[in-house]
């Protein structure tokens, strides 16, 4: 039995997984869209149309989450990445340059 390495539990590893899972979900969604056109109507057409919407939304979420986590992992490496406008002049000048 293998123990998970710290790299496999990192945000970048989960971001790669989410990106890798999002693209096939969208591609399968496109396939369901084309399969829905094979049916004139009824339950099967609605089933494939619903699957199209669900798979594309899930795929978009996974890609967005993967990009978000990848960006967040890079920001954590940079100490000054968490910029807040309210703390921009934390040294003392609170009047926006006016004394």
PDB file of N, CA and C in Angstrom:
ATOM      1  N   UNK A   1       0.845  -1.173   0.000  1.00  0.00           N
ATOM      2  CA  UNK A   1       0.000   0.000   0.000  1.00  0.00           C
ATOM      3  C   UNK A   1       0.890   1.235   0.000  1.00  0.00           C
ATOM      4  N   UNK A   2       0.614   2.164  -0.911  1.00  0.00           N
ATOM      5  CA  UNK A   2       1.446   3.352  -1.014  1.00  0.00           C
ATOM      6  C   UNK A   2       0.837   4.484  -0.201  1.00  0.00           C
ATOM      7  N   UNK A   3       1.685   5.264   0.382  1.00  0.00           N
ATOM      8  CA  UNK A   3       1.223   6.433   1.125  1.00  0.00           C
ATOM      9  C   UNK A   3       1.271   7.638   0.206  1.00  0.00           C
ATOM     10  N   UNK A   4       0.282   8.525   0.330  1.00  0.00           N
ATOM     11  CA  UNK A   4       0.280   9.689  -0.552  1.00  0.00           C
ATOM     12  C   UNK A   4       1.450  10.617  -0.226  1.00  0.00           C
ATOM     13  N   UNK A   5       2.080  11.099  -1.255  1.00  0.00           N
ATOM     14  CA  UNK A   5       3.186  12.031  -1.073  1.00  0.00           C
ATOM     15  C   UNK A   5       2.629  13.438  -0.886  1.00  0.00           C
ATOM     16  N   UNK A   6       3.400  14.338  -0.296  1.00  0.00           N
ATOM     17  CA  UNK A   6       2.915  15.710  -0.155  1.00  0.00           C
ATOM     18  C   UNK A   6       2.580  16.363  -1.492  1.00  0.00           C
ATOM     19  N   UNK A   7       3.293  15.957  -2.549  1.00  0.00           N
ATOM     20  CA  UNK A   7       3.014  16.540  -3.858  1.00  0.00           C
ATOM     21  C   UNK A   7       1.637  16.121  -4.373  1.00  0.00           C
ATOM     22  N   UNK A   8       1.215  14.877  -4.074  1.00  0.00           N
ATOM     23  CA  UNK A   8      -0.078  14.416  -4.561  1.00  0.00           C
ATOM     24  C   UNK A   8      -1.232  15.079  -3.825  1.00  0.00           C
ATOM     25  N   UNK A   9      -0.977  15.664  -2.673  1.00  0.00           N
ATOM     26  CA  UNK A   9      -2.026  16.335  -1.916  1.00  0.00           C
ATOM     27  C   UNK A   9      -1.971  17.847  -2.084  1.00  0.00           C
ATOM     28  N   UNK A  10      -1.107  18.341  -2.931  1.00  0.00           N
ATOM     29  CA  UNK A  10      -0.940  19.776  -3.094  1.00  0.00           C
ATOM     30  C   UNK A  10      -2.093  20.353  -3.912  1.00  0.00           C
ATOM     31  N   UNK A  11      -2.315  21.669  -3.788  1.00  0.00           N
ATOM     32  CA  UNK A  11      -3.362  22.300  -4.603  1.00  0.00           C
ATOM     33  C   UNK A  11      -3.110  22.155  -6.093  1.00  0.00           C
ATOM     34  N   UNK A  12      -1.840  22.115  -6.483  1.00  0.00           N
ATOM     35  CA  UNK A  12      -1.542  21.971  -7.912  1.00  0.00           C
ATOM     36  C   UNK A  12      -1.961  20.601  -8.438  1.00  0.00           C
ATOM     37  N   UNK A  13      -1.808  19.553  -7.610  1.00  0.00           N
ATOM     38  CA  UNK A  13      -2.211  18.219  -8.050  1.00  0.00           C
ATOM     39  C   UNK A  13      -3.718  18.166  -8.231  1.00  0.00           C
ATOM     40  N   UNK A  14      -4.477  18.758  -7.308  1.00  0.00           N
ATOM     41  CA  UNK A  14      -5.927  18.740  -7.462  1.00  0.00           C
ATOM     42  C   UNK A  14      -6.349  19.627  -8.623  1.00  0.00           C
ATOM     43  N   UNK A  15      -5.615  20.719  -8.865  1.00  0.00           N
ATOM     44  CA  UNK A  15      -5.937  21.583  -9.995  1.00  0.00           C
ATOM     45  C   UNK A  15      -5.722  20.843 -11.310  1.00  0.00           C
ATOM     46  N   UNK A  16      -4.636  20.071 -11.404  1.00  0.00           N
ATOM     47  CA  UNK A  16      -4.395  19.292 -12.631  1.00  0.00           C
ATOM     48  C   UNK A  16      -5.495  18.264 -12.837  1.00  0.00           C
ATOM     49  N   UNK A  17      -5.943  17.629 -11.736  1.00  0.00           N
ATOM     50  CA  UNK A  17      -7.018  16.647 -11.854  1.00  0.00           C
ATOM     51  C   UNK A  17      -8.304  17.313 -12.318  1.00  0.00           C
ATOM     52  N   UNK A  18      -8.634  18.480 -11.738  1.00  0.00           N
ATOM     53  CA  UNK A  18      -9.866  19.157 -12.117  1.00  0.00           C
ATOM     54  C   UNK A  18      -9.829  19.615 -13.565  1.00  0.00           C
ATOM     55  N   UNK A  19      -8.689  20.109 -14.008  1.00  0.00           N
ATOM     56  CA  UNK A  19      -8.575  20.498 -15.415  1.00  0.00           C
ATOM     57  C   UNK A  19      -8.694  19.287 -16.327  1.00  0.00           C
ATOM     58  N   UNK A  20      -8.061  18.183 -15.911  1.00  0.00           N
ATOM     59  CA  UNK A  20      -8.100  16.970 -16.730  1.00  0.00           C
ATOM     60  C   UNK A  20      -9.487  16.338 -16.735  1.00  0.00           C
ATOM     61  N   UNK A  21     -10.274  16.524 -15.709  1.00  0.00           N
ATOM     62  CA  UNK A  21     -11.617  15.957 -15.661  1.00  0.00           C
ATOM     63  C   UNK A  21     -12.642  16.872 -16.322  1.00  0.00           C
ATOM     64  N   UNK A  22     -12.374  18.172 -16.370  1.00  0.00           N
ATOM     65  CA  UNK A  22     -13.332  19.119 -16.933  1.00  0.00           C
ATOM     66  C   UNK A  22     -13.457  19.031 -18.438  1.00  0.00           C
ATOM     67  N   UNK A  23     -12.358  18.864 -19.118  1.00  0.00           N
ATOM     68  CA  UNK A  23     -12.382  18.826 -20.588  1.00  0.00           C
ATOM     69  C   UNK A  23     -13.152  17.608 -21.107  1.00  0.00           C
ATOM     70  N   UNK A  24     -12.904  16.403 -20.582  1.00  0.00           N
ATOM     71  CA  UNK A  24     -13.721  15.270 -21.069  1.00  0.00           C
ATOM     72  C   UNK A  24     -15.202  15.411 -20.745  1.00  0.00           C
ATOM     73  N   UNK A  25     -15.530  16.033 -19.630  1.00  0.00           N
ATOM     74  CA  UNK A  25     -16.947  16.231 -19.301  1.00  0.00           C
ATOM     75  C   UNK A  25     -17.612  17.116 -20.347  1.00  0.00           C
ATOM     76  N   UNK A  26     -16.925  18.155 -20.777  1.00  0.00           N
ATOM     77  CA  UNK A  26     -17.487  19.027 -21.812  1.00  0.00           C
ATOM     78  C   UNK A  26     -17.575  18.294 -23.141  1.00  0.00           C
ATOM     79  N   UNK A  27     -16.566  17.492 -23.470  1.00  0.00           N
ATOM     80  CA  UNK A  27     -16.607  16.733 -24.728  1.00  0.00           C
ATOM     81  C   UNK A  27     -17.736  15.715 -24.738  1.00  0.00           C
ATOM     82  N   UNK A  28     -17.964  15.041 -23.613  1.00  0.00           N
ATOM     83  CA  UNK A  28     -19.089  14.100 -23.525  1.00  0.00           C
ATOM     84  C   UNK A  28     -20.408  14.863 -23.605  1.00  0.00           C
ATOM     85  N   UNK A  29     -20.427  16.087 -23.068  1.00  0.00           N
ATOM     86  CA  UNK A  29     -21.616  16.933 -23.199  1.00  0.00           C
ATOM     87  C   UNK A  29     -21.925  17.251 -24.648  1.00  0.00           C
ATOM     88  N   UNK A  30     -20.886  17.552 -25.435  1.00  0.00           N
ATOM     89  CA  UNK A  30     -21.093  17.768 -26.869  1.00  0.00           C
ATOM     90  C   UNK A  30     -21.611  16.508 -27.546  1.00  0.00           C
ATOM     91  N   UNK A  31     -21.089  15.354 -27.164  1.00  0.00           N
ATOM     92  CA  UNK A  31     -21.566  14.089 -27.746  1.00  0.00           C
ATOM     93  C   UNK A  31     -23.040  13.872 -27.413  1.00  0.00           C
ATOM     94  N   UNK A  32     -23.436  14.182 -26.191  1.00  0.00           N
ATOM     95  CA  UNK A  32     -24.854  14.048 -25.818  1.00  0.00           C
ATOM     96  C   UNK A  32     -25.726  15.011 -26.607  1.00  0.00           C
ATOM     97  N   UNK A  33     -25.191  16.185 -26.908  1.00  0.00           N
ATOM     98  CA  UNK A  33     -25.945  17.148 -27.712  1.00  0.00           C
ATOM     99  C   UNK A  33     -26.237  16.581 -29.098  1.00  0.00           C
ATOM    100  N   UNK A  34     -25.227  15.972 -29.716  1.00  0.00           N
ATOM    101  CA  UNK A  34     -25.427  15.404 -31.044  1.00  0.00           C
ATOM    102  C   UNK A  34     -26.300  14.147 -30.996  1.00  0.00           C
ATOM    103  N   UNK A  35     -26.205  13.391 -29.900  1.00  0.00           N
ATOM    104  CA  UNK A  35     -27.086  12.225 -29.766  1.00  0.00           C
ATOM    105  C   UNK A  35     -28.537  12.645 -29.564  1.00  0.00           C
ATOM    106  N   UNK A  36     -28.764  13.778 -28.912  1.00  0.00           N
ATOM    107  CA  UNK A  36     -30.130  14.261 -28.713  1.00  0.00           C
ATOM    108  C   UNK A  36     -30.786  14.599 -30.047  1.00  0.00           C
ATOM    109  N   UNK A  37     -30.010  15.009 -31.029  1.00  0.00           N
ATOM    110  CA  UNK A  37     -30.575  15.333 -32.341  1.00  0.00           C
ATOM    111  C   UNK A  37     -31.037  14.091 -33.100  1.00  0.00           C
ATOM    112  N   UNK A  38     -30.600  12.903 -32.670  1.00  0.00           N
ATOM    113  CA  UNK A  38     -31.025  11.680 -33.346  1.00  0.00           C
ATOM    114  C   UNK A  38     -32.472  11.314 -33.031  1.00  0.00           C
ATOM    115  N   UNK A  39     -32.999  11.841 -31.937  1.00  0.00           N
ATOM    116  CA  UNK A  39     -34.365  11.505 -31.514  1.00  0.00           C
ATOM    117  C   UNK A  39     -35.294  12.668 -31.833  1.00  0.00           C
ATOM    118  N   UNK A  40     -36.525  12.311 -32.256  1.00  0.00           N
ATOM    119  CA  UNK A  40     -37.498  13.346 -32.625  1.00  0.00           C
ATOM    120  C   UNK A  40     -38.061  14.062 -31.412  1.00  0.00           C
ATOM    121  N   UNK A  41     -38.131  13.412 -30.322  1.00  0.00           N
ATOM    122  CA  UNK A  41     -38.691  14.022 -29.122  1.00  0.00           C
ATOM    123  C   UNK A  41     -38.895  12.957 -28.067  1.00  0.00           C
ATOM    124  N   UNK A  42     -39.549  13.330 -27.022  1.00  0.00           N
ATOM    125  CA  UNK A  42     -39.855  12.366 -25.981  1.00  0.00           C
ATOM    126  C   UNK A  42     -38.790  12.300 -24.901  1.00  0.00           C
ATOM    127  N   UNK A  43     -38.856  11.198 -24.170  1.00  0.00           N
ATOM    128  CA  UNK A  43     -38.004  11.034 -22.996  1.00  0.00           C
ATOM    129  C   UNK A  43     -36.519  11.001 -23.340  1.00  0.00           C
ATOM    130  N   UNK A  44     -36.147  10.241 -24.378  1.00  0.00           N
ATOM    131  CA  UNK A  44     -34.726  10.098 -24.690  1.00  0.00           C
ATOM    132  C   UNK A  44     -34.085  11.412 -25.143  1.00  0.00           C
ATOM    133  N   UNK A  45     -34.813  12.188 -25.923  1.00  0.00           N
ATOM    134  CA  UNK A  45     -34.271  13.484 -26.340  1.00  0.00           C
ATOM    135  C   UNK A  45     -34.075  14.395 -25.124  1.00  0.00           C
ATOM    136  N   UNK A  46     -35.050  14.416 -24.234  1.00  0.00           N
ATOM    137  CA  UNK A  46     -34.934  15.212 -23.019  1.00  0.00           C
ATOM    138  C   UNK A  46     -33.824  14.727 -22.106  1.00  0.00           C
ATOM    139  N   UNK A  47     -33.647  13.408 -22.062  1.00  0.00           N
ATOM    140  CA  UNK A  47     -32.570  12.839 -21.252  1.00  0.00           C
ATOM    141  C   UNK A  47     -31.211  13.301 -21.765  1.00  0.00           C
ATOM    142  N   UNK A  48     -31.016  13.232 -23.077  1.00  0.00           N
ATOM    143  CA  UNK A  48     -29.736  13.652 -23.642  1.00  0.00           C
ATOM    144  C   UNK A  48     -29.538  15.165 -23.554  1.00  0.00           C
ATOM    145  N   UNK A  49     -30.612  15.932 -23.689  1.00  0.00           N
ATOM    146  CA  UNK A  49     -30.481  17.378 -23.539  1.00  0.00           C
ATOM    147  C   UNK A  49     -30.132  17.748 -22.096  1.00  0.00           C
ATOM    148  N   UNK A  50     -30.750  17.068 -21.143  1.00  0.00           N
ATOM    149  CA  UNK A  50     -30.417  17.306 -19.738  1.00  0.00           C
ATOM    150  C   UNK A  50     -28.989  16.902 -19.418  1.00  0.00           C
ATOM    151  N   UNK A  51     -28.557  15.786 -19.987  1.00  0.00           N
ATOM    152  CA  UNK A  51     -27.177  15.352 -19.780  1.00  0.00           C
ATOM    153  C   UNK A  51     -26.202  16.339 -20.401  1.00  0.00           C
ATOM    154  N   UNK A  52     -26.574  16.914 -21.555  1.00  0.00           N
ATOM    155  CA  UNK A  52     -25.727  17.918 -22.192  1.00  0.00           C
ATOM    156  C   UNK A  52     -25.511  19.094 -21.261  1.00  0.00           C
ATOM    157  N   UNK A  53     -26.586  19.624 -20.724  1.00  0.00           N
ATOM    158  CA  UNK A  53     -26.492  20.786 -19.837  1.00  0.00           C
ATOM    159  C   UNK A  53     -25.709  20.436 -18.578  1.00  0.00           C
ATOM    160  N   UNK A  54     -26.042  19.309 -17.964  1.00  0.00           N
ATOM    161  CA  UNK A  54     -25.377  18.926 -16.714  1.00  0.00           C
ATOM    162  C   UNK A  54     -23.877  18.712 -16.921  1.00  0.00           C
ATOM    163  N   UNK A  55     -23.507  18.003 -17.963  1.00  0.00           N
ATOM    164  CA  UNK A  55     -22.087  17.725 -18.197  1.00  0.00           C
ATOM    165  C   UNK A  55     -21.303  18.981 -18.538  1.00  0.00           C
ATOM    166  N   UNK A  56     -21.897  19.878 -19.291  1.00  0.00           N
ATOM    167  CA  UNK A  56     -21.182  21.104 -19.630  1.00  0.00           C
ATOM    168  C   UNK A  56     -21.037  22.026 -18.431  1.00  0.00           C
ATOM    169  N   UNK A  57     -22.055  22.088 -17.584  1.00  0.00           N
ATOM    170  CA  UNK A  57     -21.950  22.899 -16.365  1.00  0.00           C
ATOM    171  C   UNK A  57     -20.910  22.304 -15.423  1.00  0.00           C
ATOM    172  N   UNK A  58     -20.926  20.991 -15.248  1.00  0.00           N
ATOM    173  CA  UNK A  58     -19.938  20.337 -14.383  1.00  0.00           C
ATOM    174  C   UNK A  58     -18.529  20.521 -14.953  1.00  0.00           C
ATOM    175  N   UNK A  59     -18.380  20.372 -16.263  1.00  0.00           N
ATOM    176  CA  UNK A  59     -17.074  20.565 -16.891  1.00  0.00           C
ATOM    177  C   UNK A  59     -16.568  21.991 -16.732  1.00  0.00           C
ATOM    178  N   UNK A  60     -17.464  22.977 -16.903  1.00  0.00           N
ATOM    179  CA  UNK A  60     -17.062  24.371 -16.727  1.00  0.00           C
ATOM    180  C   UNK A  60     -16.669  24.632 -15.278  1.00  0.00           C
ATOM    181  N   UNK A  61     -17.403  24.051 -14.337  1.00  0.00           N
ATOM    182  CA  UNK A  61     -17.054  24.210 -12.926  1.00  0.00           C
ATOM    183  C   UNK A  61     -15.681  23.602 -12.627  1.00  0.00           C
ATOM    184  N   UNK A  62     -15.432  22.405 -13.137  1.00  0.00           N
ATOM    185  CA  UNK A  62     -14.151  21.749 -12.885  1.00  0.00           C
ATOM    186  C   UNK A  62     -12.983  22.532 -13.486  1.00  0.00           C
ATOM    187  N   UNK A  63     -13.161  23.038 -14.690  1.00  0.00           N
ATOM    188  CA  UNK A  63     -12.095  23.823 -15.309  1.00  0.00           C
ATOM    189  C   UNK A  63     -11.877  25.114 -14.530  1.00  0.00           C
ATOM    190  N   UNK A  64     -12.958  25.781 -14.150  1.00  0.00           N
ATOM    191  CA  UNK A  64     -12.825  27.010 -13.373  1.00  0.00           C
ATOM    192  C   UNK A  64     -12.176  26.770 -12.027  1.00  0.00           C
ATOM    193  N   UNK A  65     -12.568  25.697 -11.356  1.00  0.00           N
ATOM    194  CA  UNK A  65     -11.965  25.378 -10.054  1.00  0.00           C
ATOM    195  C   UNK A  65     -10.495  25.011 -10.218  1.00  0.00           C
ATOM    196  N   UNK A  66     -10.173  24.300 -11.282  1.00  0.00           N
ATOM    197  CA  UNK A  66      -8.782  23.942 -11.522  1.00  0.00           C
ATOM    198  C   UNK A  66      -7.920  25.161 -11.789  1.00  0.00           C
ATOM    199  N   UNK A  67      -8.435  26.098 -12.579  1.00  0.00           N
ATOM    200  CA  UNK A  67      -7.680  27.320 -12.845  1.00  0.00           C
ATOM    201  C   UNK A  67      -7.566  28.170 -11.585  1.00  0.00           C
ATOM    202  N   UNK A  68      -8.631  28.209 -10.787  1.00  0.00           N
ATOM    203  CA  UNK A  68      -8.614  28.981  -9.544  1.00  0.00           C
ATOM    204  C   UNK A  68      -7.586  28.418  -8.567  1.00  0.00           C
ATOM    205  N   UNK A  69      -7.576  27.093  -8.406  1.00  0.00           N
ATOM    206  CA  UNK A  69      -6.624  26.480  -7.474  1.00  0.00           C
ATOM    207  C   UNK A  69      -5.195  26.597  -7.992  1.00  0.00           C
ATOM    208  N   UNK A  70      -5.004  26.530  -9.289  1.00  0.00           N
ATOM    209  CA  UNK A  70      -3.665  26.681  -9.839  1.00  0.00           C
ATOM    210  C   UNK A  70      -3.155  28.091  -9.596  1.00  0.00           C
ATOM    211  N   UNK A  71      -4.022  29.062  -9.766  1.00  0.00           N
ATOM    212  CA  UNK A  71      -3.633  30.448  -9.527  1.00  0.00           C
ATOM    213  C   UNK A  71      -3.390  30.698  -8.048  1.00  0.00           C
ATOM    214  N   UNK A  72      -4.243  30.125  -7.206  1.00  0.00           N
ATOM    215  CA  UNK A  72      -4.097  30.297  -5.764  1.00  0.00           C
ATOM    216  C   UNK A  72      -2.787  29.670  -5.280  1.00  0.00           C
ATOM    217  N   UNK A  73      -2.400  28.520  -5.829  1.00  0.00           N
ATOM    218  CA  UNK A  73      -1.152  27.882  -5.453  1.00  0.00           C
ATOM    219  C   UNK A  73       0.047  28.734  -5.817  1.00  0.00           C
ATOM    220  N   UNK A  74      -0.020  29.417  -6.969  1.00  0.00           N
ATOM    221  CA  UNK A  74       1.073  30.300  -7.360  1.00  0.00           C
ATOM    222  C   UNK A  74       1.126  31.527  -6.471  1.00  0.00           C
ATOM    223  N   UNK A  75      -0.038  32.041  -6.048  1.00  0.00           N
ATOM    224  CA  UNK A  75      -0.065  33.213  -5.196  1.00  0.00           C
ATOM    225  C   UNK A  75       0.500  32.926  -3.819  1.00  0.00           C
ATOM    226  N   UNK A  76       0.295  31.720  -3.321  1.00  0.00           N
ATOM    227  CA  UNK A  76       0.806  31.392  -2.004  1.00  0.00           C
ATOM    228  C   UNK A  76       2.325  31.390  -1.983  1.00  0.00           C
ATOM    229  N   UNK A  77       2.945  31.173  -3.157  1.00  0.00           N
ATOM    230  CA  UNK A  77       4.402  31.220  -3.225  1.00  0.00           C
ATOM    231  C   UNK A  77       4.911  32.654  -3.122  1.00  0.00           C
ATOM    232  N   UNK A  78       4.112  33.600  -3.561  1.00  0.00           N
ATOM    233  CA  UNK A  78       4.483  35.005  -3.515  1.00  0.00           C
ATOM    234  C   UNK A  78       3.899  35.632  -2.257  1.00  0.00           C
ATOM    235  N   UNK A  79       4.758  36.182  -1.409  1.00  0.00           N
ATOM    236  CA  UNK A  79       4.313  36.709  -0.119  1.00  0.00           C
ATOM    237  C   UNK A  79       3.416  37.927  -0.270  1.00  0.00           C
ATOM    238  N   UNK A  80       3.643  38.764  -1.268  1.00  0.00           N
ATOM    239  CA  UNK A  80       2.875  39.990  -1.421  1.00  0.00           C
ATOM    240  C   UNK A  80       1.656  39.850  -2.307  1.00  0.00           C
ATOM    241  N   UNK A  81       1.166  38.681  -2.524  1.00  0.00           N
ATOM    242  CA  UNK A  81       0.064  38.480  -3.455  1.00  0.00           C
ATOM    243  C   UNK A  81      -1.280  38.892  -2.882  1.00  0.00           C
ATOM    244  N   UNK A  82      -1.406  38.918  -1.585  1.00  0.00           N
ATOM    245  CA  UNK A  82      -2.690  39.249  -0.964  1.00  0.00           C
ATOM    246  C   UNK A  82      -2.765  40.753  -0.722  1.00  0.00           C
ATOM    247  N   UNK A  83      -2.945  41.517  -1.769  1.00  0.00           N
ATOM    248  CA  UNK A  83      -2.980  42.968  -1.675  1.00  0.00           C
ATOM    249  C   UNK A  83      -4.372  43.434  -1.314  1.00  0.00           C
ATOM    250  N   UNK A  84      -4.475  44.334  -0.363  1.00  0.00           N
ATOM    251  CA  UNK A  84      -5.739  44.938   0.016  1.00  0.00           C
ATOM    252  C   UNK A  84      -5.612  46.446  -0.131  1.00  0.00           C
ATOM    253  N   UNK A  85      -6.573  47.087  -0.784  1.00  0.00           N
ATOM    254  CA  UNK A  85      -6.485  48.539  -0.940  1.00  0.00           C
ATOM    255  C   UNK A  85      -6.483  49.267   0.407  1.00  0.00           C
ATOM    256  N   UNK A  86      -7.203  48.741   1.388  1.00  0.00           N
ATOM    257  CA  UNK A  86      -7.251  49.404   2.686  1.00  0.00           C
ATOM    258  C   UNK A  86      -5.915  49.373   3.407  1.00  0.00           C
ATOM    259  N   UNK A  87      -5.042  48.462   3.043  1.00  0.00           N
ATOM    260  CA  UNK A  87      -3.735  48.357   3.685  1.00  0.00           C
ATOM    261  C   UNK A  87      -2.610  48.877   2.788  1.00  0.00           C
ATOM    262  N   UNK A  88      -2.982  49.533   1.713  1.00  0.00           N
ATOM    263  CA  UNK A  88      -1.977  50.033   0.789  1.00  0.00           C
ATOM    264  C   UNK A  88      -1.081  51.071   1.456  1.00  0.00           C
ATOM    265  N   UNK A  89      -1.648  51.945   2.260  1.00  0.00           N
ATOM    266  CA  UNK A  89      -0.900  52.981   2.959  1.00  0.00           C
ATOM    267  C   UNK A  89      -0.832  52.655   4.444  1.00  0.00           C
ATOM    268  N   UNK A  90      -0.481  51.445   4.764  1.00  0.00           N
ATOM    269  CA  UNK A  90      -0.466  51.020   6.158  1.00  0.00           C
ATOM    270  C   UNK A  90       0.616  51.724   6.964  1.00  0.00           C
ATOM    271  N   UNK A  91       1.586  52.375   6.297  1.00  0.00           N
ATOM    272  CA  UNK A  91       2.666  53.054   6.994  1.00  0.00           C
ATOM    273  C   UNK A  91       2.239  54.316   7.693  1.00  0.00           C
ATOM    274  N   UNK A  92       1.070  54.843   7.394  1.00  0.00           N
ATOM    275  CA  UNK A  92       0.632  56.027   8.122  1.00  0.00           C
ATOM    276  C   UNK A  92      -0.193  56.998   7.301  1.00  0.00           C
ATOM    277  N   UNK A  93       0.071  57.171   6.024  1.00  0.00           N
ATOM    278  CA  UNK A  93      -0.639  58.154   5.218  1.00  0.00           C
ATOM    279  C   UNK A  93      -2.055  57.669   4.946  1.00  0.00           C
ATOM    280  N   UNK A  94      -3.031  58.225   5.668  1.00  0.00           N
ATOM    281  CA  UNK A  94      -4.415  57.757   5.518  1.00  0.00           C
ATOM    282  C   UNK A  94      -5.265  58.743   4.727  1.00  0.00           C
ATOM    283  N   UNK A  95      -4.723  59.919   4.397  1.00  0.00           N
ATOM    284  CA  UNK A  95      -5.520  60.936   3.712  1.00  0.00           C
ATOM    285  C   UNK A  95      -5.296  60.895   2.202  1.00  0.00           C
ATOM    286  N   UNK A  96      -4.717  59.850   1.695  1.00  0.00           N
ATOM    287  CA  UNK A  96      -4.528  59.726   0.264  1.00  0.00           C
ATOM    288  C   UNK A  96      -3.487  60.687  -0.287  1.00  0.00           C
ATOM    289  N   UNK A  97      -2.443  60.955   0.477  1.00  0.00           N
ATOM    290  CA  UNK A  97      -1.386  61.842   0.030  1.00  0.00           C
ATOM    291  C   UNK A  97      -1.533  63.259   0.543  1.00  0.00           C
ATOM    292  N   UNK A  98      -2.657  63.600   1.158  1.00  0.00           N
ATOM    293  CA  UNK A  98      -2.874  64.948   1.700  1.00  0.00           C
ATOM    294  C   UNK A  98      -2.601  64.941   3.182  1.00  0.00           C
ATOM    295  N   UNK A  99      -1.957  65.976   3.657  1.00  0.00           N
ATOM    296  CA  UNK A  99      -1.670  66.106   5.099  1.00  0.00           C
ATOM    297  C   UNK A  99      -2.630  67.070   5.749  1.00  0.00           C
TER     298      UNK A  99
END
